[in-house]
N, C-alpha and C. Protein backbone atom coordinates (compact mmCIF):
# COMPACT_ATOMS: atom_id res chain seq x y z
N UNK A 1 -12.65 38.87 -3.31
CA UNK A 1 -12.47 37.36 -3.32
C UNK A 1 -13.60 37.50 -1.45
N UNK A 2 -13.07 38.71 -0.81
CA UNK A 2 -13.68 38.78 0.39
C UNK A 2 -15.23 38.68 0.69
N UNK A 3 -15.93 39.69 -0.44
CA UNK A 3 -17.62 39.82 -0.57
C UNK A 3 -18.02 38.01 -0.97
N UNK A 4 -17.31 37.44 -1.61
CA UNK A 4 -17.79 36.15 -1.99
C UNK A 4 -17.89 35.21 -0.53
N UNK A 5 -16.45 35.59 0.26
CA UNK A 5 -16.46 34.50 1.58
C UNK A 5 -17.86 35.26 2.50
N UNK A 6 -18.06 36.53 2.64
CA UNK A 6 -19.26 36.69 3.75
C UNK A 6 -20.48 36.39 2.33
N UNK A 7 -20.54 36.38 1.59
CA UNK A 7 -22.07 35.89 0.96
C UNK A 7 -22.14 34.13 1.30
N UNK A 8 -21.30 33.21 1.24
CA UNK A 8 -20.85 31.71 1.50
C UNK A 8 -21.62 31.99 3.36
N UNK A 9 -20.91 32.65 3.59
CA UNK A 9 -21.23 32.21 5.22
C UNK A 9 -22.55 32.63 5.69
N UNK A 10 -23.41 33.94 5.03
CA UNK A 10 -24.56 34.12 4.91
C UNK A 10 -25.66 33.08 4.76
N UNK A 11 -24.93 32.17 3.28
CA UNK A 11 -25.73 31.30 3.00
C UNK A 11 -26.23 30.02 4.33
N UNK A 12 -24.56 30.05 4.57
CA UNK A 12 -24.08 28.71 5.67
C UNK A 12 -24.71 29.13 6.91
N UNK A 13 -25.39 30.41 7.04
CA UNK A 13 -25.42 30.60 9.10
C UNK A 13 -26.79 29.75 9.12
N UNK A 14 -27.77 29.55 7.88
CA UNK A 14 -29.12 29.76 8.44
C UNK A 14 -29.24 28.00 8.69
N UNK A 15 -28.29 26.84 7.66
CA UNK A 15 -28.21 25.70 7.91
C UNK A 15 -27.27 25.56 9.63
N UNK A 16 -26.49 26.38 9.97
CA UNK A 16 -25.77 26.21 11.02
C UNK A 16 -26.62 26.50 12.32
N UNK A 17 -27.65 27.58 12.04
CA UNK A 17 -28.28 28.00 13.08
C UNK A 17 -29.96 26.60 13.56
N UNK A 18 -29.84 25.76 12.64
CA UNK A 18 -30.90 24.96 12.49
C UNK A 18 -30.02 23.75 13.31
N UNK A 19 -28.71 23.37 13.21
CA UNK A 19 -28.17 22.57 13.53
C UNK A 19 -28.29 22.58 15.21
N UNK A 20 -27.74 24.26 15.40
CA UNK A 20 -27.79 24.34 17.19
C UNK A 20 -28.93 23.94 17.45
N UNK A 21 -29.98 24.82 16.86
CA UNK A 21 -31.38 24.03 17.64
C UNK A 21 -31.75 22.89 17.53
N UNK A 22 -31.14 22.33 16.71
CA UNK A 22 -31.79 20.50 17.09
C UNK A 22 -30.38 20.29 18.26
N UNK A 23 -29.56 20.68 18.24
CA UNK A 23 -28.44 20.41 19.47
C UNK A 23 -29.16 21.02 20.80
N UNK A 24 -29.81 22.07 21.00
CA UNK A 24 -30.83 22.06 21.88
C UNK A 24 -31.90 21.23 22.14
N UNK A 25 -32.65 21.20 21.47
CA UNK A 25 -33.76 20.16 21.29
C UNK A 25 -33.58 18.72 21.98
N UNK A 26 -32.07 18.57 21.37
CA UNK A 26 -31.34 17.06 22.01
C UNK A 26 -31.19 17.05 23.56
N UNK A 27 -30.66 18.52 23.89
CA UNK A 27 -30.33 18.75 24.96
C UNK A 27 -31.31 18.46 26.06
N UNK A 28 -32.40 19.37 25.67
CA UNK A 28 -34.09 19.63 26.21
C UNK A 28 -34.33 18.09 26.18
N UNK A 29 -34.33 17.08 25.23
CA UNK A 29 -35.16 15.91 25.59
C UNK A 29 -34.42 14.97 26.83
N UNK A 30 -32.85 15.33 26.77
CA UNK A 30 -32.08 14.35 28.08
C UNK A 30 -32.51 14.87 29.62
N UNK A 31 -32.36 16.47 29.30
CA UNK A 31 -33.08 16.55 30.61
C UNK A 31 -34.85 16.22 30.80
N UNK A 32 -35.70 16.41 29.79
CA UNK A 32 -36.95 16.08 30.63
C UNK A 32 -36.69 14.87 30.77
N UNK A 33 -36.03 13.79 30.06
CA UNK A 33 -35.83 12.41 30.17
C UNK A 33 -35.28 11.96 31.91
N UNK A 34 -34.25 13.03 32.37
CA UNK A 34 -33.96 13.16 33.55
C UNK A 34 -35.04 13.55 34.81
N UNK A 35 -35.47 14.78 34.58
CA UNK A 35 -36.84 15.17 35.42
C UNK A 35 -37.71 14.18 35.45
N UNK A 36 -38.22 13.52 34.21
CA UNK A 36 -39.39 12.49 34.09
C UNK A 36 -39.04 11.32 35.22
N UNK A 37 -37.74 10.92 35.60
CA UNK A 37 -37.19 9.89 36.20
C UNK A 37 -37.10 9.93 37.18
N UNK A 38 -36.83 11.12 37.46
CA UNK A 38 -37.15 11.51 39.31
C UNK A 38 -38.36 11.16 39.73
N UNK A 39 -39.45 11.55 38.92
CA UNK A 39 -40.93 11.71 39.29
C UNK A 39 -41.45 9.91 39.06
N UNK A 40 -40.56 9.01 38.31
CA UNK A 40 -41.00 8.02 37.94
C UNK A 40 -41.36 6.93 38.72
N UNK A 41 -40.69 7.11 40.08
CA UNK A 41 -40.61 5.97 41.12
C UNK A 41 -39.78 4.92 40.97
N UNK A 42 -38.40 5.29 40.10
CA UNK A 42 -37.36 4.24 39.79
C UNK A 42 -37.89 3.44 38.46
N UNK A 43 -38.95 3.72 37.84
CA UNK A 43 -39.10 3.22 36.59
C UNK A 43 -38.49 3.84 35.32
N UNK A 44 -38.09 3.57 34.28
CA UNK A 44 -37.15 4.07 33.00
C UNK A 44 -37.56 3.31 31.90
N UNK A 45 -37.12 4.10 31.04
CA UNK A 45 -38.07 3.62 29.48
C UNK A 45 -36.90 3.74 28.49
N UNK A 46 -36.55 3.01 27.75
CA UNK A 46 -35.83 2.76 26.92
C UNK A 46 -35.77 4.12 25.76
N UNK A 47 -37.51 3.87 25.48
CA UNK A 47 -37.99 4.58 24.41
C UNK A 47 -37.26 6.14 24.63
N UNK A 48 -37.77 6.96 26.17
CA UNK A 48 -37.71 7.85 26.87
C UNK A 48 -36.26 8.08 26.78
N UNK A 49 -35.67 7.51 27.11
CA UNK A 49 -33.94 8.10 27.58
C UNK A 49 -33.43 8.16 26.22
N UNK A 50 -33.79 7.27 25.10
CA UNK A 50 -33.18 7.36 23.74
C UNK A 50 -33.84 8.64 23.01
N UNK A 51 -34.84 9.14 23.30
CA UNK A 51 -35.18 9.91 22.27
C UNK A 51 -34.67 11.21 21.63
N UNK A 52 -33.39 11.50 22.69
CA UNK A 52 -32.97 12.57 22.42
C UNK A 52 -31.90 12.34 20.71
N UNK A 53 -31.84 11.10 20.29
CA UNK A 53 -31.18 10.74 19.14
C UNK A 53 -31.96 10.89 17.82
N UNK A 54 -33.30 11.19 18.18
CA UNK A 54 -33.72 11.87 17.21
C UNK A 54 -33.62 12.94 16.55
N UNK A 55 -33.82 13.85 17.46
CA UNK A 55 -33.00 15.46 17.09
C UNK A 55 -31.76 15.62 16.82
N UNK A 56 -30.82 14.65 17.22
CA UNK A 56 -28.97 14.60 17.35
C UNK A 56 -28.74 14.27 15.93
N UNK A 57 -29.10 12.85 15.77
CA UNK A 57 -28.77 12.10 14.77
C UNK A 57 -29.38 12.43 13.23
N UNK A 58 -30.75 12.89 13.67
CA UNK A 58 -31.47 12.98 12.79
C UNK A 58 -31.60 14.35 12.28
N UNK A 59 -31.51 15.33 13.19
CA UNK A 59 -31.53 16.46 13.27
C UNK A 59 -30.07 17.44 12.53
N UNK A 60 -29.05 17.25 14.20
CA UNK A 60 -27.98 18.38 13.85
C UNK A 60 -26.96 17.65 13.03
N UNK A 61 -26.59 16.36 13.43
CA UNK A 61 -26.03 15.95 12.13
C UNK A 61 -26.07 16.32 10.74
N UNK A 62 -27.22 16.02 9.83
CA UNK A 62 -27.05 15.97 9.11
C UNK A 62 -27.35 17.60 8.36
N UNK A 63 -27.56 18.32 9.02
CA UNK A 63 -27.89 19.66 8.63
C UNK A 63 -26.41 20.48 9.31
N UNK A 64 -25.22 19.78 9.66
CA UNK A 64 -24.09 20.21 9.85
C UNK A 64 -22.87 19.59 8.52
N UNK A 65 -23.71 18.61 8.47
CA UNK A 65 -22.96 17.81 7.19
C UNK A 65 -23.86 18.61 6.24
N UNK A 66 -24.35 18.82 5.83
CA UNK A 66 -25.43 19.84 4.86
C UNK A 66 -24.82 21.43 4.34
N UNK A 67 -24.41 21.64 5.70
CA UNK A 67 -23.50 23.21 5.68
C UNK A 67 -22.14 23.12 5.29
N UNK A 68 -21.79 21.77 5.33
CA UNK A 68 -20.23 21.50 5.26
C UNK A 68 -20.55 21.39 3.90
N UNK A 69 -20.87 20.03 3.33
CA UNK A 69 -21.27 19.81 1.74
C UNK A 69 -21.63 21.06 0.90
N UNK A 70 -23.01 21.27 0.81
CA UNK A 70 -23.61 22.10 0.35
C UNK A 70 -23.76 23.74 0.51
N UNK A 71 -23.12 24.43 1.17
CA UNK A 71 -23.62 25.52 1.63
C UNK A 71 -24.62 26.52 0.87
N UNK A 72 -24.55 26.75 -0.06
CA UNK A 72 -25.91 27.05 -1.15
C UNK A 72 -26.96 26.31 -1.00
N UNK A 73 -27.14 25.32 0.35
CA UNK A 73 -28.86 24.73 -0.23
C UNK A 73 -29.76 25.66 0.41
N UNK A 74 -29.78 26.82 1.11
CA UNK A 74 -30.92 27.55 1.45
C UNK A 74 -31.35 28.10 0.16
N UNK A 75 -30.49 28.21 -0.79
CA UNK A 75 -30.66 29.05 -1.81
C UNK A 75 -31.85 28.04 -3.29
N UNK A 76 -31.78 26.56 -2.99
CA UNK A 76 -32.37 25.83 -3.51
C UNK A 76 -33.80 26.41 -3.48
N UNK A 77 -34.73 26.68 -4.41
CA UNK A 77 -36.22 26.59 -4.50
C UNK A 77 -36.96 25.84 -3.46
N UNK A 78 -36.81 24.51 -3.71
CA UNK A 78 -37.55 23.52 -3.25
C UNK A 78 -37.11 23.63 -1.19
N UNK A 79 -36.00 23.87 -0.77
CA UNK A 79 -35.42 23.84 0.16
C UNK A 79 -36.58 24.18 1.45
N UNK A 80 -37.10 25.32 1.52
CA UNK A 80 -38.12 25.63 2.45
C UNK A 80 -39.14 24.42 2.48
N UNK A 81 -39.73 24.11 1.54
CA UNK A 81 -40.89 22.98 1.91
C UNK A 81 -40.37 21.58 2.24
N UNK A 82 -39.60 21.08 1.80
CA UNK A 82 -38.58 20.00 2.06
C UNK A 82 -38.09 19.71 3.64
N UNK A 83 -37.63 21.05 3.70
CA UNK A 83 -36.96 21.07 5.23
C UNK A 83 -38.34 21.43 5.96
N UNK A 84 -38.95 21.83 5.68
CA UNK A 84 -40.37 21.66 6.68
C UNK A 84 -41.23 20.22 6.79
N UNK A 85 -41.09 19.16 5.90
CA UNK A 85 -41.46 18.16 5.98
C UNK A 85 -40.48 17.66 6.81
N UNK A 86 -39.58 17.51 6.21
CA UNK A 86 -38.42 16.75 7.46
C UNK A 86 -38.35 17.32 8.78
N UNK A 87 -39.02 18.53 9.13
CA UNK A 87 -38.93 19.16 10.82
C UNK A 87 -40.01 18.55 11.31
N UNK A 88 -40.70 18.19 10.76
CA UNK A 88 -42.15 17.57 11.16
C UNK A 88 -42.17 16.47 11.40
N UNK A 89 -41.06 15.58 10.16
CA UNK A 89 -41.10 14.11 10.81
C UNK A 89 -40.12 14.02 11.74
N UNK A 90 -39.39 14.44 11.78
CA UNK A 90 -38.79 14.34 13.05
C UNK A 90 -39.38 14.80 14.42
N UNK A 91 -39.93 15.76 14.18
CA UNK A 91 -40.86 16.09 15.58
C UNK A 91 -41.83 15.16 15.70
N UNK A 92 -42.46 14.38 15.04
CA UNK A 92 -43.21 13.45 15.52
C UNK A 92 -42.84 11.98 15.98
N UNK A 93 -41.55 11.74 15.18
CA UNK A 93 -40.82 10.79 15.88
C UNK A 93 -40.52 10.93 17.33
N UNK A 94 -40.06 12.19 17.41
CA UNK A 94 -39.36 11.98 18.78
C UNK A 94 -40.50 12.34 19.90
N UNK A 95 -41.70 12.53 19.70
CA UNK A 95 -43.31 12.89 19.94
C UNK A 95 -43.45 11.69 20.99
N UNK A 96 -43.46 10.16 19.24
CA UNK A 96 -43.56 9.31 19.81
C UNK A 96 -42.70 8.42 20.30
N UNK A 97 -41.36 9.01 20.51
CA UNK A 97 -40.24 8.05 21.44
C UNK A 97 -40.86 8.74 22.80
N UNK A 98 -41.40 9.61 23.13
CA UNK A 98 -41.78 10.33 24.29
C UNK A 98 -43.29 9.83 24.86
N UNK A 99 -44.00 9.49 24.08
CA UNK A 99 -45.27 8.97 24.23
C UNK A 99 -45.41 7.55 24.76
N UNK A 100 -44.27 6.85 23.88
CA UNK A 100 -44.04 5.54 24.05
C UNK A 100 -43.37 5.26 25.46
N UNK A 101 -42.17 6.06 25.73
CA UNK A 101 -41.68 5.93 26.86
C UNK A 101 -42.66 6.33 28.38
N UNK A 102 -43.52 7.32 28.05
CA UNK A 102 -44.47 7.59 29.33
C UNK A 102 -45.26 6.50 29.22
N UNK A 103 -46.21 5.78 28.21
CA UNK A 103 -47.14 4.83 27.98
C UNK A 103 -46.18 3.66 28.77
N UNK A 104 -44.82 3.38 28.45
CA UNK A 104 -44.23 2.03 29.50
C UNK A 104 -43.92 2.10 30.71
N UNK A 105 -43.87 3.46 31.11
CA UNK A 105 -43.76 3.79 32.48
C UNK A 105 -44.64 3.67 33.09
N UNK A 106 -46.13 3.77 32.97
CA UNK A 106 -47.25 4.10 33.14
C UNK A 106 -47.78 2.31 33.74
N UNK A 107 -47.25 2.05 32.47
CA UNK A 107 -47.88 0.29 32.21
C UNK A 107 -49.04 0.03 31.47
N UNK A 108 -49.17 1.15 30.40
CA UNK A 108 -50.37 0.85 29.60
C UNK A 108 -49.86 0.88 28.14
N UNK A 109 -50.27 1.14 27.04
CA UNK A 109 -50.43 1.33 25.69
C UNK A 109 -51.42 1.92 24.77
N UNK A 110 -51.33 2.19 23.47
CA UNK A 110 -51.80 3.32 22.68
C UNK A 110 -51.81 2.44 21.33
N UNK A 111 -53.03 2.33 20.95
CA UNK A 111 -53.19 2.03 19.47
C UNK A 111 -52.66 3.12 18.77
N UNK A 112 -52.27 4.31 18.95
CA UNK A 112 -51.88 5.31 18.14
C UNK A 112 -50.43 5.49 17.89
N UNK A 113 -49.97 4.87 18.68
CA UNK A 113 -48.64 4.83 18.95
C UNK A 113 -47.85 4.65 17.06
N UNK A 114 -48.28 3.73 16.91
CA UNK A 114 -47.57 3.41 15.40
C UNK A 114 -48.24 4.31 14.12
N UNK A 115 -49.15 4.96 14.54
CA UNK A 115 -49.54 5.94 13.59
C UNK A 115 -48.46 6.69 13.31
N UNK A 116 -48.17 7.46 14.66
CA UNK A 116 -47.15 8.56 14.86
C UNK A 116 -45.79 7.92 14.29
N UNK A 117 -45.44 6.77 14.30
CA UNK A 117 -44.31 6.57 13.67
C UNK A 117 -44.32 6.39 12.57
N UNK A 118 -45.17 6.00 11.50
CA UNK A 118 -45.77 5.72 10.13
C UNK A 118 -45.60 7.34 9.94
N UNK A 119 -46.35 8.22 10.23
CA UNK A 119 -46.91 9.40 9.74
C UNK A 119 -44.81 10.33 9.76
N UNK A 120 -44.49 10.21 10.60
CA UNK A 120 -43.17 10.66 11.31
C UNK A 120 -42.21 9.76 10.14
N UNK A 121 -42.10 8.89 9.80
CA UNK A 121 -41.06 8.24 8.71
C UNK A 121 -41.53 8.68 7.63
N UNK A 122 -42.77 8.53 7.19
CA UNK A 122 -43.22 9.44 5.62
C UNK A 122 -42.93 10.55 5.45
N UNK A 123 -43.12 11.42 6.51
CA UNK A 123 -42.76 12.97 6.47
C UNK A 123 -41.15 12.98 5.98
N UNK A 124 -40.76 12.27 6.88
CA UNK A 124 -38.75 12.19 6.75
C UNK A 124 -38.47 12.24 5.48
N UNK A 125 -39.10 10.90 5.18
CA UNK A 125 -38.82 10.69 3.65
C UNK A 125 -39.32 11.36 2.44
N UNK A 126 -40.53 11.88 3.07
CA UNK A 126 -40.72 12.88 1.54
C UNK A 126 -40.41 14.02 1.54
N UNK A 127 -39.64 14.42 2.74
CA UNK A 127 -38.59 16.26 3.10
C UNK A 127 -37.48 15.25 2.28
N UNK A 128 -36.57 14.27 2.43
CA UNK A 128 -35.53 13.89 1.93
C UNK A 128 -35.43 13.58 0.54
N UNK A 129 -36.74 13.21 -0.24
CA UNK A 129 -37.15 12.89 -1.45
C UNK A 129 -37.13 14.26 -1.85
N UNK A 130 -37.77 15.14 -1.82
CA UNK A 130 -37.75 16.64 -2.36
C UNK A 130 -36.31 16.94 -2.17
N UNK A 131 -36.16 16.92 -1.24
CA UNK A 131 -34.83 18.05 -1.07
C UNK A 131 -33.99 17.53 -2.11
N UNK A 132 -33.62 15.75 -2.12
CA UNK A 132 -32.70 15.41 -3.00
C UNK A 132 -32.98 15.80 -4.80
N UNK A 133 -34.19 15.45 -5.13
CA UNK A 133 -34.76 15.96 -6.37
C UNK A 133 -34.07 17.31 -6.77
N UNK A 134 -34.80 18.56 -5.97
CA UNK A 134 -34.44 19.96 -6.17
C UNK A 134 -32.74 19.82 -5.56
N UNK A 135 -31.92 19.52 -5.42
CA UNK A 135 -30.56 19.42 -5.25
C UNK A 135 -29.72 18.65 -6.60
N UNK A 136 -30.47 18.06 -7.20
CA UNK A 136 -30.18 17.45 -8.34
C UNK A 136 -30.19 18.43 -9.41
N UNK A 137 -31.45 18.91 -9.47
CA UNK A 137 -31.94 19.83 -10.21
C UNK A 137 -31.07 21.22 -10.27
N UNK A 138 -31.01 21.44 -9.07
CA UNK A 138 -30.45 22.73 -8.67
C UNK A 138 -31.16 24.09 -9.23
N UNK A 139 -32.49 24.18 -9.05
CA UNK A 139 -33.10 25.60 -9.16
C UNK A 139 -32.82 26.13 -8.12
N UNK A 140 -32.32 27.52 -8.36
CA UNK A 140 -31.79 28.36 -7.24
C UNK A 140 -33.10 29.08 -7.21
N UNK A 141 -33.15 30.18 -6.03
CA UNK A 141 -34.23 30.99 -5.79
C UNK A 141 -33.39 32.38 -6.58
N UNK A 142 -34.13 33.42 -7.23
CA UNK A 142 -33.55 34.35 -7.58
C UNK A 142 -33.45 35.75 -6.54
């Protein structure tokens, strides 16, 4: 029984580390927003103030839930490519929110910001789709 508990903890550790990293990224986004607001001459942006929600709600919470519900998720064959796509999508959405906030504070705009959103949501959906298909098939790495 004891070796089984240790093995389950090792499998769950990677998912928990990912959740902690996303919590740190969320904290960094909050700190970045507060420091940027100090130099923004009293102007703020909702996009920049709420950019921490992407890593928090899209990163930390799903990985904590994944760690609790599917502790062997790291052993699924398509886990790494799916999670890399998912991380890339969250990064694109967070950067899009940051750039949108900077543009709003500066009083300008860019035609490239919707491209970040489309790419971010597409990568996020592709990562989720690949992971769900692999989870249904349960092909484990040997």
